[in-house]
Amino acid sequence: MLLREGRVLAEGAKAELLTGAVLSDLFGMATTVERRGDWSWAHLD
């Protein structure tokens, strides 16, 4: 579950939530996600 300003922005599986599109919406700026195995890194563009 991802929250923004105290409200649920998105719910779902980790693979569905940790995407550039979803995190860009969460942070309000362009975001890319890098994955290696079970690890994920978000980068603000």
C-alpha atoms as a PDB file:
ATOM      1  CA  MET A   1       0.000   0.000   0.000  1.00  0.00           C
ATOM      2  CA  LEU A   2       1.295   3.443  -0.897  1.00  0.00           C
ATOM      3  CA  LEU A   3       0.039   6.518   0.934  1.00  0.00           C
ATOM      4  CA  ARG A   4       0.148  10.149  -0.167  1.00  0.00           C
ATOM      5  CA  GLU A   5      -1.042  12.927   2.132  1.00  0.00           C
ATOM      6  CA  GLY A   6      -2.666  10.385   4.460  1.00  0.00           C
ATOM      7  CA  ARG A   7      -4.719   8.736   1.717  1.00  0.00           C
ATOM      8  CA  VAL A   8      -4.258   5.458  -0.120  1.00  0.00           C
ATOM      9  CA  LEU A   9      -2.721   6.149  -3.510  1.00  0.00           C
ATOM     10  CA  ALA A  10      -2.345   2.527  -4.622  1.00  0.00           C
ATOM     11  CA  GLU A  11      -2.664  -1.013  -3.344  1.00  0.00           C
ATOM     12  CA  GLY A  12      -1.377  -4.221  -4.821  1.00  0.00           C
ATOM     13  CA  ALA A  13       1.559  -6.537  -5.195  1.00  0.00           C
ATOM     14  CA  LYS A  14       5.088  -5.152  -4.834  1.00  0.00           C
ATOM     15  CA  ALA A  15       5.782  -5.692  -8.539  1.00  0.00           C
ATOM     16  CA  GLU A  16       2.686  -3.641  -9.432  1.00  0.00           C
ATOM     17  CA  LEU A  17       3.484  -0.779  -7.047  1.00  0.00           C
ATOM     18  CA  LEU A  18       7.218  -0.405  -7.589  1.00  0.00           C
ATOM     19  CA  THR A  19       7.043   0.947 -11.125  1.00  0.00           C
ATOM     20  CA  GLY A  20       8.214   4.243 -12.514  1.00  0.00           C
ATOM     21  CA  ALA A  21       4.658   5.318 -13.333  1.00  0.00           C
ATOM     22  CA  VAL A  22       3.234   4.609  -9.864  1.00  0.00           C
ATOM     23  CA  LEU A  23       6.196   6.112  -7.993  1.00  0.00           C
ATOM     24  CA  SER A  24       6.190   9.175 -10.280  1.00  0.00           C
ATOM     25  CA  ASP A  25       2.590   9.754  -9.256  1.00  0.00           C
ATOM     26  CA  LEU A  26       3.479   9.209  -5.586  1.00  0.00           C
ATOM     27  CA  PHE A  27       6.457  11.599  -5.566  1.00  0.00           C
ATOM     28  CA  GLY A  28       5.050  14.108  -8.064  1.00  0.00           C
ATOM     29  CA  MET A  29       8.149  13.918 -10.275  1.00  0.00           C
ATOM     30  CA  ALA A  30       9.595  11.613 -12.904  1.00  0.00           C
ATOM     31  CA  THR A  31      10.893   8.413 -11.318  1.00  0.00           C
ATOM     32  CA  THR A  32      12.546   5.316 -12.734  1.00  0.00           C
ATOM     33  CA  VAL A  33      12.929   1.966 -11.008  1.00  0.00           C
ATOM     34  CA  GLU A  34      15.988  -0.247 -11.334  1.00  0.00           C
ATOM     35  CA  ARG A  35      15.691  -3.920 -10.398  1.00  0.00           C
ATOM     36  CA  ARG A  36      18.352  -6.507  -9.672  1.00  0.00           C
ATOM     37  CA  GLY A  37      17.033  -9.808  -8.427  1.00  0.00           C
ATOM     38  CA  ASP A  38      14.826  -9.168  -5.401  1.00  0.00           C
ATOM     39  CA  TRP A  39      16.129  -5.600  -4.924  1.00  0.00           C
ATOM     40  CA  SER A  40      14.612  -2.398  -6.322  1.00  0.00           C
ATOM     41  CA  TRP A  41      15.946   1.169  -6.390  1.00  0.00           C
ATOM     42  CA  ALA A  42      13.926   4.266  -7.215  1.00  0.00           C
ATOM     43  CA  HIS A  43      15.723   7.123  -8.945  1.00  0.00           C
ATOM     44  CA  LEU A  44      14.242  10.598  -9.237  1.00  0.00           C
ATOM     45  CA  ASP A  45      14.926  11.838 -12.747  1.00  0.00           C
END
